[in-house]
Amino acid sequence: EAYLAMARDGAHAEMVTQHNGHHPEIDVLGES
């Protein structure tokens, strides 16, 4: 809920945002 409140207030109607995530380095440590 705290994260979603931050996202709501941090990406509001008076903004333009672009977030690009790339070059993932993912390690699967176990089944979950």
PDB file of all heavy atoms in Angstrom:
ATOM      1  N   GLU A   1       0.824  -1.210   0.000  1.00  0.00           N
ATOM      2  CA  GLU A   1       0.000   0.000   0.000  1.00  0.00           C
ATOM      3  C   GLU A   1       0.862   1.265   0.000  1.00  0.00           C
ATOM      4  O   GLU A   1       0.540   2.239  -0.676  1.00  0.00           O
ATOM      5  CB  GLU A   1      -0.974  -0.011   1.171  1.00  0.00           C
ATOM      6  CG  GLU A   1      -2.037  -1.103   1.057  1.00  0.00           C
ATOM      7  CD  GLU A   1      -2.768  -1.115  -0.289  1.00  0.00           C
ATOM      8  OE1 GLU A   1      -3.178  -0.045  -0.768  1.00  0.00           O
ATOM      9  OE2 GLU A   1      -2.920  -2.217  -0.859  1.00  0.00           O
ATOM     10  N   ALA A   2       1.967   1.245   0.758  1.00  0.00           N
ATOM     11  CA  ALA A   2       2.879   2.401   0.767  1.00  0.00           C
ATOM     12  C   ALA A   2       3.513   2.580  -0.609  1.00  0.00           C
ATOM     13  O   ALA A   2       3.676   3.707  -1.086  1.00  0.00           O
ATOM     14  CB  ALA A   2       3.954   2.224   1.844  1.00  0.00           C
ATOM     15  N   TYR A   3       3.880   1.475  -1.246  1.00  0.00           N
ATOM     16  CA  TYR A   3       4.494   1.540  -2.577  1.00  0.00           C
ATOM     17  C   TYR A   3       3.507   2.120  -3.586  1.00  0.00           C
ATOM     18  O   TYR A   3       3.838   2.998  -4.385  1.00  0.00           O
ATOM     19  CB  TYR A   3       4.956   0.149  -3.013  1.00  0.00           C
ATOM     20  CG  TYR A   3       6.094   0.166  -4.007  1.00  0.00           C
ATOM     21  CD1 TYR A   3       7.287  -0.456  -3.719  1.00  0.00           C
ATOM     22  CD2 TYR A   3       5.972   0.797  -5.239  1.00  0.00           C
ATOM     23  CE1 TYR A   3       8.335  -0.453  -4.622  1.00  0.00           C
ATOM     24  CE2 TYR A   3       7.002   0.808  -6.144  1.00  0.00           C
ATOM     25  CZ  TYR A   3       8.178   0.175  -5.831  1.00  0.00           C
ATOM     26  OH  TYR A   3       9.209   0.185  -6.722  1.00  0.00           O
ATOM     27  N   LEU A   4       2.254   1.637  -3.546  1.00  0.00           N
ATOM     28  CA  LEU A   4       1.250   2.119  -4.493  1.00  0.00           C
ATOM     29  C   LEU A   4       0.912   3.593  -4.260  1.00  0.00           C
ATOM     30  O   LEU A   4       0.681   4.332  -5.216  1.00  0.00           O
ATOM     31  CB  LEU A   4       0.001   1.253  -4.419  1.00  0.00           C
ATOM     32  CG  LEU A   4       0.188  -0.194  -4.899  1.00  0.00           C
ATOM     33  CD1 LEU A   4      -1.068  -1.004  -4.629  1.00  0.00           C
ATOM     34  CD2 LEU A   4       0.591  -0.244  -6.361  1.00  0.00           C
ATOM     35  N   ALA A   5       0.920   4.028  -3.015  1.00  0.00           N
ATOM     36  CA  ALA A   5       0.690   5.452  -2.717  1.00  0.00           C
ATOM     37  C   ALA A   5       1.823   6.294  -3.292  1.00  0.00           C
ATOM     38  O   ALA A   5       1.586   7.366  -3.862  1.00  0.00           O
ATOM     39  CB  ALA A   5       0.568   5.672  -1.212  1.00  0.00           C
ATOM     40  N   MET A   6       3.067   5.804  -3.164  1.00  0.00           N
ATOM     41  CA  MET A   6       4.205   6.519  -3.744  1.00  0.00           C
ATOM     42  C   MET A   6       4.073   6.580  -5.264  1.00  0.00           C
ATOM     43  O   MET A   6       4.301   7.624  -5.879  1.00  0.00           O
ATOM     44  CB  MET A   6       5.521   5.832  -3.348  1.00  0.00           C
ATOM     45  CG  MET A   6       6.774   6.482  -3.911  1.00  0.00           C
ATOM     46  SD  MET A   6       7.268   5.981  -5.587  1.00  0.00           S
ATOM     47  CE  MET A   6       7.562   4.238  -5.394  1.00  0.00           C
ATOM     48  N   ALA A   7       3.673   5.483  -5.889  1.00  0.00           N
ATOM     49  CA  ALA A   7       3.512   5.461  -7.346  1.00  0.00           C
ATOM     50  C   ALA A   7       2.396   6.409  -7.778  1.00  0.00           C
ATOM     51  O   ALA A   7       2.540   7.136  -8.766  1.00  0.00           O
ATOM     52  CB  ALA A   7       3.226   4.043  -7.820  1.00  0.00           C
ATOM     53  N   ARG A   8       1.295   6.426  -7.039  1.00  0.00           N
ATOM     54  CA  ARG A   8       0.178   7.319  -7.375  1.00  0.00           C
ATOM     55  C   ARG A   8       0.618   8.785  -7.314  1.00  0.00           C
ATOM     56  O   ARG A   8       0.348   9.578  -8.194  1.00  0.00           O
ATOM     57  CB  ARG A   8      -0.996   7.087  -6.424  1.00  0.00           C
ATOM     58  CG  ARG A   8      -2.226   7.925  -6.812  1.00  0.00           C
ATOM     59  CD  ARG A   8      -3.259   8.012  -5.713  1.00  0.00           C
ATOM     60  NE  ARG A   8      -2.709   8.825  -4.638  1.00  0.00           N
ATOM     61  CZ  ARG A   8      -2.742   8.501  -3.352  1.00  0.00           C
ATOM     62  NH1 ARG A   8      -3.294   7.391  -2.950  1.00  0.00           N
ATOM     63  NH2 ARG A   8      -2.221   9.301  -2.451  1.00  0.00           N
ATOM     64  N   ASP A   9       1.334   9.123  -6.250  1.00  0.00           N
ATOM     65  CA  ASP A   9       1.767  10.505  -6.073  1.00  0.00           C
ATOM     66  C   ASP A   9       3.021  10.824  -6.885  1.00  0.00           C
ATOM     67  O   ASP A   9       3.265  11.983  -7.206  1.00  0.00           O
ATOM     68  CB  ASP A   9       2.028  10.786  -4.593  1.00  0.00           C
ATOM     69  CG  ASP A   9       0.764  10.673  -3.763  1.00  0.00           C
ATOM     70  OD1 ASP A   9      -0.349  10.792  -4.330  1.00  0.00           O
ATOM     71  OD2 ASP A   9       0.880  10.437  -2.548  1.00  0.00           O
ATOM     72  N   GLY A  10       3.800   9.816  -7.213  1.00  0.00           N
ATOM     73  CA  GLY A  10       5.058  10.023  -7.929  1.00  0.00           C
ATOM     74  C   GLY A  10       4.950   9.919  -9.436  1.00  0.00           C
ATOM     75  O   GLY A  10       5.914  10.167 -10.153  1.00  0.00           O
ATOM     76  N   ALA A  11       3.797   9.544  -9.943  1.00  0.00           N
ATOM     77  CA  ALA A  11       3.547   9.500 -11.389  1.00  0.00           C
ATOM     78  C   ALA A  11       2.138  10.043 -11.606  1.00  0.00           C
ATOM     79  O   ALA A  11       1.224   9.333 -11.974  1.00  0.00           O
ATOM     80  CB  ALA A  11       3.692   8.087 -11.922  1.00  0.00           C
ATOM     81  N   HIS A  12       1.978  11.334 -11.353  1.00  0.00           N
ATOM     82  CA  HIS A  12       0.661  11.964 -11.378  1.00  0.00           C
ATOM     83  C   HIS A  12       0.382  12.630 -12.721  1.00  0.00           C
ATOM     84  O   HIS A  12       1.209  12.598 -13.633  1.00  0.00           O
ATOM     85  CB  HIS A  12       0.524  12.954 -10.212  1.00  0.00           C
ATOM     86  CG  HIS A  12       1.615  13.972 -10.164  1.00  0.00           C
ATOM     87  ND1 HIS A  12       1.680  15.027 -11.036  1.00  0.00           N
ATOM     88  CD2 HIS A  12       2.689  14.073  -9.357  1.00  0.00           C
ATOM     89  CE1 HIS A  12       2.744  15.761 -10.769  1.00  0.00           C
ATOM     90  NE2 HIS A  12       3.380  15.197  -9.749  1.00  0.00           N
ATOM     91  N   ALA A  13      -0.772  13.257 -12.823  1.00  0.00           N
ATOM     92  CA  ALA A  13      -1.246  13.826 -14.091  1.00  0.00           C
ATOM     93  C   ALA A  13      -0.435  15.012 -14.579  1.00  0.00           C
ATOM     94  O   ALA A  13      -0.511  15.370 -15.749  1.00  0.00           O
ATOM     95  CB  ALA A  13      -2.715  14.228 -13.950  1.00  0.00           C
ATOM     96  N   GLU A  14       0.367  15.619 -13.721  1.00  0.00           N
ATOM     97  CA  GLU A  14       1.186  16.761 -14.117  1.00  0.00           C
ATOM     98  C   GLU A  14       2.634  16.337 -14.381  1.00  0.00           C
ATOM     99  O   GLU A  14       3.576  17.059 -14.065  1.00  0.00           O
ATOM    100  CB  GLU A  14       1.128  17.846 -13.043  1.00  0.00           C
ATOM    101  CG  GLU A  14      -0.204  18.553 -12.982  1.00  0.00           C
ATOM    102  CD  GLU A  14      -0.545  19.273 -14.290  1.00  0.00           C
ATOM    103  OE1 GLU A  14       0.338  19.896 -14.896  1.00  0.00           O
ATOM    104  OE2 GLU A  14      -1.722  19.192 -14.701  1.00  0.00           O
ATOM    105  N   MET A  15       2.769  15.157 -14.962  1.00  0.00           N
ATOM    106  CA  MET A  15       4.102  14.617 -15.270  1.00  0.00           C
ATOM    107  C   MET A  15       4.086  13.894 -16.605  1.00  0.00           C
ATOM    108  O   MET A  15       3.047  13.448 -17.063  1.00  0.00           O
ATOM    109  CB  MET A  15       4.536  13.592 -14.210  1.00  0.00           C
ATOM    110  CG  MET A  15       4.713  14.139 -12.828  1.00  0.00           C
ATOM    111  SD  MET A  15       5.185  12.826 -11.692  1.00  0.00           S
ATOM    112  CE  MET A  15       6.944  12.732 -12.009  1.00  0.00           C
ATOM    113  N   VAL A  16       5.259  13.750 -17.145  1.00  0.00           N
ATOM    114  CA  VAL A  16       5.537  12.830 -18.243  1.00  0.00           C
ATOM    115  C   VAL A  16       6.707  11.999 -17.754  1.00  0.00           C
ATOM    116  O   VAL A  16       7.716  12.552 -17.285  1.00  0.00           O
ATOM    117  CB  VAL A  16       5.919  13.585 -19.538  1.00  0.00           C
ATOM    118  CG1 VAL A  16       6.403  12.619 -20.602  1.00  0.00           C
ATOM    119  CG2 VAL A  16       4.753  14.421 -20.033  1.00  0.00           C
ATOM    120  N   THR A  17       6.568  10.673 -17.804  1.00  0.00           N
ATOM    121  CA  THR A  17       7.667   9.823 -17.339  1.00  0.00           C
ATOM    122  C   THR A  17       7.976   8.735 -18.362  1.00  0.00           C
ATOM    123  O   THR A  17       7.098   8.293 -19.108  1.00  0.00           O
ATOM    124  CB  THR A  17       7.343   9.132 -15.991  1.00  0.00           C
ATOM    125  OG1 THR A  17       6.239   8.247 -16.171  1.00  0.00           O
ATOM    126  CG2 THR A  17       7.031  10.150 -14.916  1.00  0.00           C
ATOM    127  N   GLN A  18       9.222   8.340 -18.369  1.00  0.00           N
ATOM    128  CA  GLN A  18       9.668   7.220 -19.192  1.00  0.00           C
ATOM    129  C   GLN A  18      10.745   6.484 -18.398  1.00  0.00           C
ATOM    130  O   GLN A  18      11.798   7.048 -18.089  1.00  0.00           O
ATOM    131  CB  GLN A  18      10.247   7.708 -20.520  1.00  0.00           C
ATOM    132  CG  GLN A  18      10.761   6.586 -21.379  1.00  0.00           C
ATOM    133  CD  GLN A  18      11.469   7.089 -22.620  1.00  0.00           C
ATOM    134  OE1 GLN A  18      11.804   8.270 -22.732  1.00  0.00           O
ATOM    135  NE2 GLN A  18      11.720   6.202 -23.550  1.00  0.00           N
ATOM    136  N   HIS A  19      10.462   5.239 -18.061  1.00  0.00           N
ATOM    137  CA  HIS A  19      11.412   4.403 -17.331  1.00  0.00           C
ATOM    138  C   HIS A  19      11.737   3.191 -18.195  1.00  0.00           C
ATOM    139  O   HIS A  19      10.833   2.441 -18.563  1.00  0.00           O
ATOM    140  CB  HIS A  19      10.807   3.941 -16.003  1.00  0.00           C
ATOM    141  CG  HIS A  19      10.598   5.053 -15.039  1.00  0.00           C
ATOM    142  ND1 HIS A  19       9.477   5.859 -15.069  1.00  0.00           N
ATOM    143  CD2 HIS A  19      11.367   5.497 -14.029  1.00  0.00           C
ATOM    144  CE1 HIS A  19       9.572   6.761 -14.103  1.00  0.00           C
ATOM    145  NE2 HIS A  19      10.705   6.567 -13.458  1.00  0.00           N
ATOM    146  N   ASN A  20      12.999   3.043 -18.528  1.00  0.00           N
ATOM    147  CA  ASN A  20      13.445   1.904 -19.313  1.00  0.00           C
ATOM    148  C   ASN A  20      14.371   1.040 -18.474  1.00  0.00           C
ATOM    149  O   ASN A  20      15.395   1.526 -17.992  1.00  0.00           O
ATOM    150  CB  ASN A  20      14.211   2.356 -20.569  1.00  0.00           C
ATOM    151  CG  ASN A  20      13.312   3.093 -21.530  1.00  0.00           C
ATOM    152  OD1 ASN A  20      12.245   2.618 -21.866  1.00  0.00           O
ATOM    153  ND2 ASN A  20      13.740   4.270 -21.958  1.00  0.00           N
ATOM    154  N   GLY A  21      14.007  -0.215 -18.304  1.00  0.00           N
ATOM    155  CA  GLY A  21      14.864  -1.165 -17.607  1.00  0.00           C
ATOM    156  C   GLY A  21      15.413  -2.146 -18.616  1.00  0.00           C
ATOM    157  O   GLY A  21      14.667  -2.716 -19.416  1.00  0.00           O
ATOM    158  N   HIS A  22      16.720  -2.326 -18.587  1.00  0.00           N
ATOM    159  CA  HIS A  22      17.329  -3.212 -19.570  1.00  0.00           C
ATOM    160  C   HIS A  22      18.561  -3.890 -18.999  1.00  0.00           C
ATOM    161  O   HIS A  22      18.950  -3.648 -17.868  1.00  0.00           O
ATOM    162  CB  HIS A  22      17.652  -2.453 -20.863  1.00  0.00           C
ATOM    163  CG  HIS A  22      18.365  -1.160 -20.645  1.00  0.00           C
ATOM    164  ND1 HIS A  22      19.717  -1.052 -20.609  1.00  0.00           N
ATOM    165  CD2 HIS A  22      17.876   0.091 -20.419  1.00  0.00           C
ATOM    166  CE1 HIS A  22      20.052   0.213 -20.386  1.00  0.00           C
ATOM    167  NE2 HIS A  22      18.950   0.921 -20.263  1.00  0.00           N
ATOM    168  N   HIS A  23      19.153  -4.763 -19.783  1.00  0.00           N
ATOM    169  CA  HIS A  23      20.329  -5.544 -19.405  1.00  0.00           C
ATOM    170  C   HIS A  23      20.115  -6.333 -18.107  1.00  0.00           C
ATOM    171  O   HIS A  23      20.912  -6.246 -17.173  1.00  0.00           O
ATOM    172  CB  HIS A  23      21.581  -4.647 -19.267  1.00  0.00           C
ATOM    173  CG  HIS A  23      21.967  -3.982 -20.540  1.00  0.00           C
ATOM    174  ND1 HIS A  23      21.541  -2.721 -20.847  1.00  0.00           N
ATOM    175  CD2 HIS A  23      22.727  -4.403 -21.566  1.00  0.00           C
ATOM    176  CE1 HIS A  23      22.034  -2.385 -22.029  1.00  0.00           C
ATOM    177  NE2 HIS A  23      22.750  -3.395 -22.493  1.00  0.00           N
ATOM    178  N   PRO A  24      19.020  -7.107 -18.023  1.00  0.00           N
ATOM    179  CA  PRO A  24      18.770  -7.834 -16.778  1.00  0.00           C
ATOM    180  C   PRO A  24      19.818  -8.920 -16.528  1.00  0.00           C
ATOM    181  O   PRO A  24      20.237  -9.607 -17.442  1.00  0.00           O
ATOM    182  CB  PRO A  24      17.392  -8.455 -17.002  1.00  0.00           C
ATOM    183  CG  PRO A  24      17.257  -8.577 -18.483  1.00  0.00           C
ATOM    184  CD  PRO A  24      18.018  -7.404 -19.052  1.00  0.00           C
ATOM    185  N   GLU A  25      20.217  -8.998 -15.273  1.00  0.00           N
ATOM    186  CA  GLU A  25      21.084 -10.077 -14.795  1.00  0.00           C
ATOM    187  C   GLU A  25      20.273 -10.808 -13.740  1.00  0.00           C
ATOM    188  O   GLU A  25      20.192 -10.358 -12.604  1.00  0.00           O
ATOM    189  CB  GLU A  25      22.361  -9.511 -14.185  1.00  0.00           C
ATOM    190  CG  GLU A  25      23.188  -8.674 -15.153  1.00  0.00           C
ATOM    191  CD  GLU A  25      24.334  -7.969 -14.438  1.00  0.00           C
ATOM    192  OE1 GLU A  25      25.065  -8.624 -13.655  1.00  0.00           O
ATOM    193  OE2 GLU A  25      24.477  -6.751 -14.649  1.00  0.00           O
ATOM    194  N   ILE A  26      19.654 -11.917 -14.120  1.00  0.00           N
ATOM    195  CA  ILE A  26      18.742 -12.629 -13.235  1.00  0.00           C
ATOM    196  C   ILE A  26      19.359 -13.950 -12.807  1.00  0.00           C
ATOM    197  O   ILE A  26      19.840 -14.715 -13.643  1.00  0.00           O
ATOM    198  CB  ILE A  26      17.384 -12.860 -13.930  1.00  0.00           C
ATOM    199  CG1 ILE A  26      16.754 -11.500 -14.258  1.00  0.00           C
ATOM    200  CG2 ILE A  26      16.458 -13.712 -13.060  1.00  0.00           C
ATOM    201  CD1 ILE A  26      15.562 -11.564 -15.155  1.00  0.00           C
ATOM    202  N   ASP A  27      19.330 -14.187 -11.514  1.00  0.00           N
ATOM    203  CA  ASP A  27      19.814 -15.447 -10.948  1.00  0.00           C
ATOM    204  C   ASP A  27      18.663 -16.137 -10.236  1.00  0.00           C
ATOM    205  O   ASP A  27      18.091 -15.579  -9.284  1.00  0.00           O
ATOM    206  CB  ASP A  27      20.955 -15.198  -9.951  1.00  0.00           C
ATOM    207  CG  ASP A  27      22.217 -14.697 -10.636  1.00  0.00           C
ATOM    208  OD1 ASP A  27      22.628 -15.306 -11.644  1.00  0.00           O
ATOM    209  OD2 ASP A  27      22.775 -13.690 -10.162  1.00  0.00           O
ATOM    210  N   VAL A  28      18.308 -17.320 -10.701  1.00  0.00           N
ATOM    211  CA  VAL A  28      17.292 -18.132 -10.039  1.00  0.00           C
ATOM    212  C   VAL A  28      18.015 -18.919  -8.951  1.00  0.00           C
ATOM    213  O   VAL A  28      18.908 -19.710  -9.237  1.00  0.00           O
ATOM    214  CB  VAL A  28      16.575 -19.061 -11.036  1.00  0.00           C
ATOM    215  CG1 VAL A  28      15.569 -19.941 -10.322  1.00  0.00           C
ATOM    216  CG2 VAL A  28      15.905 -18.240 -12.136  1.00  0.00           C
ATOM    217  N   LEU A  29      17.642 -18.663  -7.705  1.00  0.00           N
ATOM    218  CA  LEU A  29      18.333 -19.262  -6.567  1.00  0.00           C
ATOM    219  C   LEU A  29      17.677 -20.550  -6.103  1.00  0.00           C
ATOM    220  O   LEU A  29      18.276 -21.313  -5.353  1.00  0.00           O
ATOM    221  CB  LEU A  29      18.388 -18.261  -5.407  1.00  0.00           C
ATOM    222  CG  LEU A  29      18.978 -16.893  -5.751  1.00  0.00           C
ATOM    223  CD1 LEU A  29      18.870 -15.958  -4.567  1.00  0.00           C
ATOM    224  CD2 LEU A  29      20.414 -17.028  -6.222  1.00  0.00           C
ATOM    225  N   GLY A  30      16.454 -20.768  -6.504  1.00  0.00           N
ATOM    226  CA  GLY A  30      15.703 -21.965  -6.120  1.00  0.00           C
ATOM    227  C   GLY A  30      14.367 -21.944  -6.831  1.00  0.00           C
ATOM    228  O   GLY A  30      14.114 -21.094  -7.679  1.00  0.00           O
ATOM    229  N   GLU A  31      13.501 -22.862  -6.477  1.00  0.00           N
ATOM    230  CA  GLU A  31      12.203 -22.952  -7.150  1.00  0.00           C
ATOM    231  C   GLU A  31      11.330 -21.713  -6.939  1.00  0.00           C
ATOM    232  O   GLU A  31      10.468 -21.424  -7.755  1.00  0.00           O
ATOM    233  CB  GLU A  31      11.451 -24.191  -6.662  1.00  0.00           C
ATOM    234  CG  GLU A  31      12.041 -25.480  -7.177  1.00  0.00           C
ATOM    235  CD  GLU A  31      11.214 -26.684  -6.746  1.00  0.00           C
ATOM    236  OE1 GLU A  31      10.023 -26.514  -6.394  1.00  0.00           O
ATOM    237  OE2 GLU A  31      11.765 -27.784  -6.778  1.00  0.00           O
ATOM    238  N   SER A  32      11.561 -20.993  -5.836  1.00  0.00           N
ATOM    239  CA  SER A  32      10.686 -19.853  -5.553  1.00  0.00           C
ATOM    240  C   SER A  32      11.453 -18.609  -5.105  1.00  0.00           C
ATOM    241  O   SER A  32      10.874 -17.724  -4.484  1.00  0.00           O
ATOM    242  CB  SER A  32       9.664 -20.243  -4.483  1.00  0.00           C
ATOM    243  OG  SER A  32      10.326 -20.587  -3.283  1.00  0.00           O
TER     244      SER A  32
END
